N, C-alpha and C. Protein backbone atom coordinates (compact mmCIF):
# COMPACT_ATOMS: atom_id res chain seq x y z
N MET A 1 31.12 -39.10 32.42
CA MET A 1 31.46 -38.31 31.25
C MET A 1 32.91 -37.82 31.31
N ASN A 2 33.49 -37.75 30.32
CA ASN A 2 34.90 -37.29 30.32
C ASN A 2 34.93 -35.74 29.99
N ASP A 3 35.98 -35.16 30.19
CA ASP A 3 36.11 -33.74 29.96
C ASP A 3 35.86 -33.27 28.56
N GLU A 4 36.20 -34.02 27.60
CA GLU A 4 36.05 -33.68 26.23
C GLU A 4 34.48 -33.57 25.92
N ILE A 5 33.72 -34.51 26.36
CA ILE A 5 32.25 -34.49 26.16
C ILE A 5 31.69 -33.31 26.83
N ILE A 6 32.06 -33.08 28.07
CA ILE A 6 31.52 -31.91 28.81
C ILE A 6 31.90 -30.54 28.02
N GLU A 7 33.12 -30.46 27.58
CA GLU A 7 33.47 -29.19 26.80
C GLU A 7 32.73 -29.10 25.62
N ARG A 8 32.48 -30.18 24.87
CA ARG A 8 31.56 -30.08 23.59
C ARG A 8 30.16 -29.64 23.85
N LEU A 9 29.63 -30.20 25.02
CA LEU A 9 28.37 -29.85 25.39
C LEU A 9 28.16 -28.32 25.81
N GLU A 10 29.21 -27.94 26.52
CA GLU A 10 29.23 -26.48 26.98
C GLU A 10 29.37 -25.61 25.67
N LEU A 11 30.17 -25.95 24.64
CA LEU A 11 30.37 -25.13 23.49
C LEU A 11 28.94 -25.10 22.73
N LYS A 12 28.31 -26.30 22.66
CA LYS A 12 27.10 -26.32 21.98
C LYS A 12 25.98 -25.50 22.72
N LEU A 13 26.08 -25.59 24.04
CA LEU A 13 25.16 -24.74 24.82
C LEU A 13 25.36 -23.26 24.64
N ALA A 14 26.68 -22.86 24.61
CA ALA A 14 26.98 -21.41 24.49
C ALA A 14 26.56 -21.05 23.07
N PHE A 15 26.68 -21.80 22.09
CA PHE A 15 26.31 -21.45 20.69
C PHE A 15 24.89 -21.18 20.65
N LEU A 16 24.04 -22.22 21.22
CA LEU A 16 22.60 -22.18 21.22
C LEU A 16 22.10 -20.91 21.99
N GLU A 17 22.69 -20.65 23.15
CA GLU A 17 22.34 -19.40 23.80
C GLU A 17 22.52 -18.22 23.04
N ARG A 18 23.72 -18.09 22.34
CA ARG A 18 23.96 -16.94 21.51
C ARG A 18 22.94 -16.86 20.32
N ALA A 19 22.68 -17.97 19.70
CA ALA A 19 21.66 -17.94 18.56
C ALA A 19 20.36 -17.50 19.03
N ASN A 20 19.89 -18.04 20.26
CA ASN A 20 18.60 -17.63 20.83
C ASN A 20 18.61 -16.23 21.17
N HIS A 21 19.61 -15.65 21.67
CA HIS A 21 19.65 -14.18 21.94
C HIS A 21 19.62 -13.36 20.58
N GLU A 22 20.36 -13.80 19.55
CA GLU A 22 20.24 -13.04 18.34
C GLU A 22 18.90 -13.11 17.69
N LEU A 23 18.30 -14.32 17.84
CA LEU A 23 16.97 -14.47 17.18
C LEU A 23 15.90 -13.67 18.05
N SER A 24 16.10 -13.55 19.26
CA SER A 24 15.23 -12.78 20.11
C SER A 24 15.33 -11.30 19.70
N ASP A 25 16.52 -10.78 19.45
CA ASP A 25 16.73 -9.46 18.96
C ASP A 25 16.04 -9.11 17.71
N VAL A 26 16.15 -10.14 16.92
CA VAL A 26 15.52 -9.99 15.48
C VAL A 26 13.98 -9.92 15.61
N VAL A 27 13.46 -10.79 16.49
CA VAL A 27 12.01 -10.72 16.59
C VAL A 27 11.63 -9.49 17.22
N TYR A 28 12.29 -8.95 18.19
CA TYR A 28 11.95 -7.69 18.81
C TYR A 28 11.99 -6.51 17.87
N ARG A 29 12.98 -6.48 17.00
CA ARG A 29 13.12 -5.37 16.04
C ARG A 29 11.96 -5.53 14.99
N GLN A 30 11.62 -6.73 14.57
CA GLN A 30 10.48 -6.85 13.71
C GLN A 30 9.19 -6.59 14.29
N GLN A 31 9.01 -6.80 15.54
CA GLN A 31 7.87 -6.46 16.25
C GLN A 31 7.67 -4.93 16.30
N ARG A 32 8.73 -4.14 16.51
CA ARG A 32 8.77 -2.73 16.55
C ARG A 32 8.36 -2.21 15.14
N GLU A 33 8.98 -2.79 14.11
CA GLU A 33 8.79 -2.35 12.75
C GLU A 33 7.28 -2.60 12.41
N LEU A 34 6.82 -3.81 12.70
CA LEU A 34 5.40 -4.07 12.55
C LEU A 34 4.38 -3.11 13.10
N ALA A 35 4.73 -2.73 14.35
CA ALA A 35 3.83 -1.77 15.02
C ALA A 35 3.81 -0.44 14.30
N VAL A 36 5.00 -0.03 13.83
CA VAL A 36 5.15 1.28 12.98
C VAL A 36 4.30 1.10 11.77
N LEU A 37 4.53 -0.02 11.01
CA LEU A 37 3.84 -0.19 9.71
C LEU A 37 2.23 -0.24 9.98
N GLN A 38 1.86 -0.91 10.99
CA GLN A 38 0.39 -1.00 11.31
C GLN A 38 -0.19 0.34 11.64
N ALA A 39 0.53 1.13 12.27
CA ALA A 39 0.12 2.51 12.54
C ALA A 39 0.06 3.38 11.26
N ARG A 40 0.95 3.18 10.30
CA ARG A 40 0.96 3.91 9.05
C ARG A 40 -0.29 3.42 8.18
N VAL A 41 -0.38 2.13 8.10
CA VAL A 41 -1.53 1.54 7.38
C VAL A 41 -2.83 2.16 7.86
N GLN A 42 -3.07 2.23 9.26
CA GLN A 42 -4.18 2.71 9.83
C GLN A 42 -4.41 4.23 9.54
N ALA A 43 -3.31 4.88 9.57
CA ALA A 43 -3.43 6.26 9.14
C ALA A 43 -3.79 6.48 7.76
N PHE A 44 -3.26 5.64 6.88
CA PHE A 44 -3.64 5.72 5.45
C PHE A 44 -5.07 5.40 5.17
N ALA A 45 -5.60 4.36 5.96
CA ALA A 45 -6.87 3.95 5.82
C ALA A 45 -7.83 4.97 6.23
N ILE A 46 -7.60 5.74 7.25
CA ILE A 46 -8.36 6.88 7.76
C ILE A 46 -8.32 7.95 6.75
N ARG A 47 -7.21 8.30 6.25
CA ARG A 47 -7.05 9.29 5.23
C ARG A 47 -7.92 8.96 3.95
N LEU A 48 -7.76 7.70 3.59
CA LEU A 48 -8.50 7.27 2.33
C LEU A 48 -10.09 7.30 2.57
N GLN A 49 -10.49 6.98 3.79
CA GLN A 49 -11.86 7.00 4.03
C GLN A 49 -12.27 8.52 4.06
N ASP A 50 -11.45 9.33 4.61
CA ASP A 50 -11.86 10.88 4.61
C ASP A 50 -11.94 11.34 3.14
N LEU A 51 -11.02 10.99 2.26
CA LEU A 51 -10.97 11.38 0.96
C LEU A 51 -12.19 10.86 0.16
N ALA A 52 -12.65 9.64 0.47
CA ALA A 52 -13.81 9.10 -0.24
C ALA A 52 -15.10 9.79 0.15
N GLN A 53 -15.19 10.50 1.32
CA GLN A 53 -16.35 11.20 1.73
C GLN A 53 -16.34 12.56 1.09
N VAL A 54 -15.38 13.09 0.63
CA VAL A 54 -15.20 14.46 0.04
C VAL A 54 -15.88 14.30 -1.37
N GLN A 55 -16.76 15.23 -1.66
CA GLN A 55 -17.37 15.30 -2.92
C GLN A 55 -16.56 16.17 -3.92
N PRO A 56 -16.31 15.74 -5.09
CA PRO A 56 -15.56 16.66 -5.99
C PRO A 56 -16.39 17.89 -6.39
N GLY A 57 -15.67 18.92 -6.74
CA GLY A 57 -16.35 20.21 -7.14
C GLY A 57 -16.95 20.14 -8.55
N TRP A 58 -16.77 19.07 -9.27
CA TRP A 58 -17.26 18.93 -10.61
C TRP A 58 -17.89 17.56 -10.79
N THR A 59 -18.54 17.39 -11.94
CA THR A 59 -19.22 16.02 -12.17
C THR A 59 -18.31 15.39 -13.32
N HIS A 60 -18.44 14.18 -13.44
CA HIS A 60 -17.58 13.41 -14.43
C HIS A 60 -17.93 14.01 -15.90
N GLU A 61 -19.16 14.48 -16.06
CA GLU A 61 -19.41 15.05 -17.37
C GLU A 61 -18.67 16.35 -17.58
N GLU A 62 -18.42 17.14 -16.55
CA GLU A 62 -17.68 18.48 -16.64
C GLU A 62 -16.23 18.29 -16.77
N GLU A 63 -15.72 17.13 -16.44
CA GLU A 63 -14.23 16.90 -16.41
C GLU A 63 -13.71 16.73 -17.90
N LYS A 64 -12.63 17.48 -18.22
CA LYS A 64 -12.11 17.45 -19.62
C LYS A 64 -11.50 16.11 -19.74
N PRO A 65 -11.58 15.53 -20.97
CA PRO A 65 -10.81 14.34 -21.27
C PRO A 65 -9.32 14.57 -21.25
N PRO A 66 -8.62 13.49 -20.97
CA PRO A 66 -7.15 13.66 -20.90
C PRO A 66 -6.47 14.22 -22.08
N HIS A 67 -6.99 14.11 -23.30
CA HIS A 67 -6.32 14.59 -24.50
C HIS A 67 -6.49 16.16 -24.74
N TYR A 68 -7.19 16.82 -23.77
CA TYR A 68 -7.44 18.26 -24.00
C TYR A 68 -6.40 18.98 -23.31
């Protein structure tokens, strides 16, 4: 192999290593964001479940229609 081919291969390798590192960083950030979002969804699901168990202080018949 001549020096020009080796240099081109080294440049390609350097580019691929940089791209791999950048993609790894993106995946890591997305993983952290996903964990936060999953925790929020779980908290909302628990809250919604708690709200579904609470009985209202009135019946649907006692509730005033929206035009009143």
